[in-house]
N, C-alpha and C. Protein backbone atom coordinates (compact mmCIF):
# COMPACT_ATOMS: atom_id res chain seq x y z
N MET A 1 91.32 107.79 118.14
CA MET A 1 89.52 107.31 117.48
C MET A 1 88.30 107.67 117.64
N GLY A 2 88.64 108.01 119.41
CA GLY A 2 87.14 108.08 119.64
C GLY A 2 86.89 106.77 120.10
N ILE A 3 85.24 106.58 119.85
CA ILE A 3 84.83 105.55 120.07
C ILE A 3 84.82 104.16 119.11
N MET A 4 85.51 103.85 118.29
CA MET A 4 85.85 103.55 116.93
C MET A 4 87.10 102.58 117.36
N LYS A 5 87.12 101.81 117.54
CA LYS A 5 88.51 100.30 117.93
C LYS A 5 89.74 101.03 117.22
N LYS A 6 90.61 100.93 118.31
CA LYS A 6 92.02 101.91 117.04
C LYS A 6 92.18 100.48 116.31
N LEU A 7 93.44 100.46 115.48
CA LEU A 7 93.94 99.05 114.69
C LEU A 7 94.34 98.92 115.33
N ASN A 8 95.11 97.13 115.13
CA ASN A 8 96.17 97.33 115.94
C ASN A 8 97.10 97.43 116.21
N ARG A 9 97.76 98.01 115.52
CA ARG A 9 99.44 98.46 115.37
C ARG A 9 99.16 99.78 114.20
N TYR A 10 100.23 101.09 115.48
CA TYR A 10 99.94 101.92 114.48
C TYR A 10 101.72 101.62 113.65
N THR A 11 101.31 102.35 112.01
CA THR A 11 103.08 102.61 111.17
C THR A 11 102.75 103.58 110.87
N SER A 12 104.32 103.98 110.99
CA SER A 12 104.32 105.36 110.80
C SER A 12 104.49 105.55 109.70
N PHE A 13 104.00 105.96 108.26
CA PHE A 13 102.99 106.35 106.84
C PHE A 13 104.67 106.46 106.24
N SER A 14 105.90 107.27 106.77
CA SER A 14 106.83 106.83 105.91
C SER A 14 107.29 105.44 105.40
N VAL A 15 107.20 104.50 106.35
CA VAL A 15 107.48 102.97 106.26
C VAL A 15 106.50 102.36 105.92
N SER A 16 105.17 103.02 106.22
CA SER A 16 104.02 102.74 104.82
C SER A 16 103.93 102.28 103.79
N ILE A 17 104.15 104.05 103.22
CA ILE A 17 104.69 103.93 101.19
C ILE A 17 105.82 102.80 100.90
N THR A 18 106.51 102.83 101.67
CA THR A 18 108.19 101.95 100.85
C THR A 18 107.96 100.72 101.12
N GLN A 19 107.18 100.08 101.96
CA GLN A 19 106.73 98.52 102.10
C GLN A 19 105.32 98.24 102.49
N ASP A 20 104.68 98.30 101.91
CA ASP A 20 102.83 98.47 101.33
C ASP A 20 102.45 98.60 99.33
N SER A 21 102.53 97.40 99.72
CA SER A 21 102.74 97.37 98.35
C SER A 21 100.99 98.21 97.08
N GLY A 22 100.26 98.31 98.43
CA GLY A 22 98.70 99.04 97.90
C GLY A 22 98.79 100.11 97.87
N LEU A 23 100.31 100.71 99.16
CA LEU A 23 100.29 102.70 98.64
C LEU A 23 101.01 102.83 97.46
N LYS A 24 102.63 101.75 97.77
CA LYS A 24 103.58 101.86 96.51
C LYS A 24 102.65 102.33 95.11
N ALA A 25 101.83 101.03 94.72
CA ALA A 25 100.89 101.38 93.73
C ALA A 25 100.28 102.19 93.37
N LEU A 26 99.46 103.31 94.31
CA LEU A 26 99.15 104.13 94.46
C LEU A 26 99.34 105.26 93.66
N ARG A 27 101.70 105.04 94.30
CA ARG A 27 101.96 106.58 94.04
C ARG A 27 102.12 106.16 92.92
N ILE A 28 102.90 105.28 92.39
CA ILE A 28 103.68 105.06 90.97
C ILE A 28 102.65 105.22 90.41
N GLU A 29 100.69 104.73 90.21
CA GLU A 29 99.71 105.17 89.59
C GLU A 29 100.12 106.57 89.05
N TYR A 30 99.59 107.63 90.12
CA TYR A 30 99.67 108.83 90.35
C TYR A 30 100.40 109.75 89.91
N ALA A 31 101.88 108.86 90.49
CA ALA A 31 102.92 109.56 89.73
C ALA A 31 103.36 110.85 88.46
N HIS A 32 102.43 110.15 87.44
CA HIS A 32 103.14 111.28 86.62
C HIS A 32 101.29 111.76 85.70
N VAL A 33 100.64 111.68 86.95
CA VAL A 33 99.12 112.33 86.89
C VAL A 33 98.99 113.76 86.69
N ALA A 34 98.32 114.94 85.92
CA ALA A 34 98.21 115.80 85.90
C ALA A 34 97.34 115.81 87.67
N SER A 35 98.65 117.38 87.56
CA SER A 35 98.12 118.01 89.30
C SER A 35 96.18 117.76 89.97
N GLN A 36 96.01 118.17 88.78
CA GLN A 36 94.66 118.65 89.64
C GLN A 36 93.65 116.83 89.29
N LYS A 37 93.91 116.80 88.31
CA LYS A 37 93.94 115.28 88.38
C LYS A 37 94.50 114.44 89.07
N ARG A 38 95.54 114.25 90.41
CA ARG A 38 95.69 114.10 91.13
C ARG A 38 95.27 114.13 92.64
N ARG A 39 95.00 115.53 92.57
CA ARG A 39 94.31 116.51 93.63
C ARG A 39 92.62 115.83 93.64
N MET A 40 92.12 116.12 92.90
CA MET A 40 90.51 115.06 92.70
C MET A 40 90.49 113.90 93.54
N ALA A 41 91.89 113.05 92.69
CA ALA A 41 91.33 111.88 93.41
C ALA A 41 92.44 111.71 94.70
N ALA A 42 92.93 112.55 95.48
CA ALA A 42 92.59 112.74 96.51
C ALA A 42 91.51 113.32 97.66
N GLN A 43 91.62 114.49 96.73
CA GLN A 43 90.04 114.33 97.81
C GLN A 43 88.99 113.89 97.47
N TRP A 44 89.08 113.02 96.28
CA TRP A 44 88.15 112.02 96.51
C TRP A 44 88.04 110.63 97.57
N GLU A 45 89.36 110.53 97.71
CA GLU A 45 89.88 108.89 98.63
C GLU A 45 89.73 109.89 100.58
N TYR A 46 90.04 111.47 100.20
CA TYR A 46 90.06 111.55 101.41
C TYR A 46 88.32 112.00 102.00
N ASP A 47 87.46 112.28 101.35
CA ASP A 47 86.28 112.58 101.68
C ASP A 47 85.96 111.28 101.87
N SER A 48 85.73 110.38 101.21
CA SER A 48 85.67 109.41 101.82
C SER A 48 85.90 108.81 102.66
N SER A 49 87.08 108.78 103.16
CA SER A 49 87.72 108.69 103.81
C SER A 49 86.86 108.52 105.33
N MET A 50 87.16 109.76 105.29
CA MET A 50 86.10 110.27 106.83
C MET A 50 84.55 109.84 106.68
N ALA A 51 83.54 110.00 105.34
CA ALA A 51 82.75 109.58 105.77
C ALA A 51 82.59 108.35 105.84
N SER A 52 83.18 107.32 105.63
CA SER A 52 83.36 105.91 106.15
C SER A 52 83.05 106.14 107.67
N ASP A 53 84.34 106.93 108.50
CA ASP A 53 84.56 106.65 109.64
C ASP A 53 83.61 107.79 110.12
N LEU A 54 82.80 108.40 109.34
CA LEU A 54 82.08 108.96 110.18
C LEU A 54 79.77 108.22 110.18
N PHE A 55 79.94 107.11 109.16
CA PHE A 55 78.94 106.26 108.99
C PHE A 55 79.99 105.01 110.22
N SER A 56 80.55 104.96 110.09
CA SER A 56 81.29 103.42 111.21
C SER A 56 80.70 103.73 113.01
N MET A 57 80.85 105.46 112.91
CA MET A 57 80.21 105.53 114.74
C MET A 57 78.57 106.31 114.80
N ALA A 58 78.15 106.01 113.60
CA ALA A 58 76.64 105.70 113.41
C ALA A 58 76.16 104.26 113.85
N LEU A 59 77.12 103.67 113.36
CA LEU A 59 76.36 102.52 113.50
C LEU A 59 76.90 102.01 115.02
N LEU A 60 78.04 103.03 115.19
CA LEU A 60 78.13 101.98 116.68
C LEU A 60 77.15 102.30 117.14
N LYS A 61 76.68 104.08 117.32
CA LYS A 61 75.39 104.63 118.09
C LYS A 61 74.45 103.91 118.01
N SER A 62 73.82 102.86 117.17
CA SER A 62 72.70 102.72 116.73
C SER A 62 72.75 100.98 116.81
N GLY A 63 73.73 100.72 117.75
CA GLY A 63 73.98 99.07 118.49
C GLY A 63 74.88 98.18 117.54
N ALA A 64 75.72 97.82 116.53
CA ALA A 64 76.45 97.27 116.49
C ALA A 64 77.63 97.40 117.33
N GLU A 65 77.78 96.17 117.00
CA GLU A 65 79.06 95.54 118.36
C GLU A 65 80.78 95.57 117.20
N THR A 66 80.34 95.50 116.16
CA THR A 66 81.44 94.87 116.15
C THR A 66 81.63 96.28 114.71
N LEU A 67 82.59 96.60 113.95
CA LEU A 67 82.61 96.95 112.66
C LEU A 67 83.87 97.05 111.28
N PRO A 68 83.47 96.70 110.65
CA PRO A 68 84.94 96.30 109.52
C PRO A 68 86.81 96.88 109.87
N GLN A 69 88.08 96.92 110.10
CA GLN A 69 89.13 97.18 110.17
C GLN A 69 89.05 98.46 109.46
N PRO A 70 89.64 99.66 108.89
CA PRO A 70 89.81 99.70 107.53
C PRO A 70 91.60 99.64 107.36
N LYS A 71 91.77 99.56 105.93
CA LYS A 71 93.51 99.04 106.38
C LYS A 71 94.19 99.97 106.47
N TRP A 72 93.84 100.58 106.25
CA TRP A 72 95.01 101.73 106.10
C TRP A 72 94.18 103.26 106.95
N HIS A 73 95.19 104.00 107.58
CA HIS A 73 95.15 105.19 108.10
C HIS A 73 94.43 106.01 107.60
N PRO A 74 93.32 106.74 108.64
CA PRO A 74 93.08 108.58 107.65
C PRO A 74 94.00 108.91 106.78
N GLY A 75 94.07 109.37 105.76
CA GLY A 75 94.50 109.67 105.38
C GLY A 75 95.56 109.26 104.44
N PHE A 76 96.10 108.03 104.61
CA PHE A 76 96.85 107.87 103.89
C PHE A 76 96.70 107.52 102.57
N LEU A 77 95.78 107.19 102.52
CA LEU A 77 95.48 106.42 100.52
C LEU A 77 95.49 107.97 100.31
N ALA A 78 94.77 109.39 100.67
CA ALA A 78 94.97 110.66 99.84
C ALA A 78 96.44 110.42 100.19
N LEU A 79 97.36 110.81 100.71
CA LEU A 79 98.46 111.64 100.70
C LEU A 79 99.11 109.84 99.39
N ALA A 80 99.40 108.96 99.99
CA ALA A 80 99.76 108.12 99.07
C ALA A 80 99.41 108.77 97.22
N ILE A 81 98.47 109.18 96.83
CA ILE A 81 98.34 109.29 95.67
C ILE A 81 97.83 110.90 95.34
N ASP A 82 98.99 111.45 96.36
CA ASP A 82 99.13 113.29 96.23
C ASP A 82 99.78 113.42 97.14
N PRO A 83 101.00 113.24 97.65
CA PRO A 83 102.06 113.48 98.28
C PRO A 83 102.14 114.94 98.66
N LEU A 84 101.26 116.52 98.60
CA LEU A 84 101.13 117.22 98.95
C LEU A 84 100.12 118.13 98.49
N PHE A 85 99.00 116.94 99.10
CA PHE A 85 97.52 117.02 99.60
C PHE A 85 97.80 117.67 100.89
N ALA A 86 97.11 118.79 101.07
CA ALA A 86 96.98 119.03 102.62
C ALA A 86 96.34 118.32 103.29
N PRO A 87 95.35 118.58 103.22
CA PRO A 87 94.51 117.77 104.62
C PRO A 87 95.00 116.59 104.04
N ALA A 88 94.98 115.55 104.05
CA ALA A 88 95.69 115.05 104.14
C ALA A 88 96.81 114.64 104.69
N LEU A 89 97.99 116.05 104.06
CA LEU A 89 99.19 116.17 105.08
C LEU A 89 99.00 116.52 107.05
N LEU A 90 98.03 117.30 106.94
CA LEU A 90 97.99 117.96 108.17
C LEU A 90 96.78 116.41 108.39
N THR A 91 96.54 115.67 108.33
CA THR A 91 95.52 114.78 109.47
C THR A 91 96.99 113.24 109.89
N VAL A 92 97.69 113.51 109.09
CA VAL A 92 98.92 111.98 108.82
C VAL A 92 99.48 112.72 109.95
N GLY A 93 100.65 113.93 109.62
CA GLY A 93 101.60 114.41 110.18
C GLY A 93 100.67 114.48 111.80
N THR A 94 100.04 114.71 112.16
CA THR A 94 98.86 115.08 113.59
C THR A 94 98.98 113.18 113.55
N LEU A 95 98.59 112.29 112.77
CA LEU A 95 99.25 111.03 113.76
C LEU A 95 100.50 110.54 113.95
N GLU A 96 100.82 110.52 112.91
CA GLU A 96 102.44 110.78 112.85
C GLU A 96 102.88 110.82 113.94
N TYR A 97 102.34 112.61 114.71
CA TYR A 97 102.65 113.20 115.77
C TYR A 97 101.88 112.42 117.36
N GLN A 98 100.79 112.02 117.24
CA GLN A 98 100.10 111.36 118.03
C GLN A 98 100.47 110.16 119.08
N HIS A 99 101.26 109.33 118.06
CA HIS A 99 101.34 108.00 118.08
C HIS A 99 103.08 108.41 119.03
N GLY A 100 103.83 108.97 118.62
CA GLY A 100 105.75 109.58 118.62
C GLY A 100 106.17 109.16 117.43
N PHE A 101 105.58 109.23 116.48
CA PHE A 101 106.85 109.00 114.86
C PHE A 101 107.26 111.10 114.70
N VAL A 102 107.43 112.10 116.31
CA VAL A 102 107.75 113.22 116.52
C VAL A 102 108.48 114.11 114.73
N LYS A 103 109.54 112.72 115.31
CA LYS A 103 110.53 113.12 113.60
C LYS A 103 109.58 112.87 112.09
N GLU A 104 108.99 111.70 112.07
CA GLU A 104 108.33 111.26 110.69
C GLU A 104 107.39 112.77 110.31
N ALA A 105 107.11 113.09 111.68
CA ALA A 105 105.27 113.96 111.42
C ALA A 105 106.29 115.60 110.76
N MET A 106 106.77 116.34 111.26
CA MET A 106 107.82 117.10 110.77
C MET A 106 108.57 117.32 109.22
N GLU A 107 109.50 115.87 109.28
CA GLU A 107 109.56 115.73 107.83
C GLU A 107 108.66 115.12 106.92
N LEU A 108 107.20 115.02 107.03
CA LEU A 108 106.10 114.95 106.33
C LEU A 108 106.61 114.95 104.83
N PRO A 109 106.20 116.16 104.75
CA PRO A 109 106.13 117.12 103.99
C PRO A 109 107.26 116.64 102.55
N SER A 110 108.65 116.47 103.08
CA SER A 110 110.11 115.91 102.67
C SER A 110 109.74 114.64 101.97
N VAL A 111 108.74 113.67 102.77
CA VAL A 111 108.58 112.32 102.54
C VAL A 111 108.90 112.36 100.50
N PRO A 112 107.42 112.46 100.38
CA PRO A 112 107.79 112.86 98.57
C PRO A 112 108.63 112.63 97.78
N MET A 113 109.55 113.62 97.99
CA MET A 113 110.19 113.47 97.57
C MET A 113 111.57 112.57 97.01
N MET A 114 111.75 112.29 98.71
CA MET A 114 112.69 110.89 99.38
C MET A 114 112.50 109.91 98.70
N MET A 115 110.81 109.55 98.47
CA MET A 115 110.37 108.40 98.56
C MET A 115 110.23 108.48 96.13
N ARG A 116 110.37 109.16 95.62
CA ARG A 116 109.95 109.14 94.72
C ARG A 116 111.39 108.53 93.98
N HIS A 117 112.35 108.32 94.76
CA HIS A 117 113.61 107.89 93.82
C HIS A 117 113.29 106.30 94.23
N ARG A 118 113.14 106.03 95.44
CA ARG A 118 112.64 104.93 95.85
C ARG A 118 111.58 104.36 94.47
N LEU A 119 110.46 104.77 94.58
CA LEU A 119 109.28 104.60 93.54
C LEU A 119 109.18 103.74 92.71
N LEU A 120 110.27 105.15 92.46
CA LEU A 120 110.14 105.32 90.57
C LEU A 120 110.73 104.52 89.83
């Protein structure tokens, strides 16, 4: 995360999607939405997350000492909205791999199918 402070502790997406009520609610809310609308919502969330990160870096460079901590890691919300949204799969898969969740990173594309039974 470069200049930005790291989130306290990394929890794998596959764990977060089953334990975090906000992520579960998003998954359930968008499960029956048309794929085009789901992708548009995921794209919006993904772009918003990236814009927030860029804005936070600009604030740090301008002298801000503290920044609000995001609740979820980049890509988590977008992937909860659309489990097949490629940019979020890449971002979250990379984070999983970097934090030592190699198996989870490699199985990430299959998580939506496994989780569907538990969430719906």
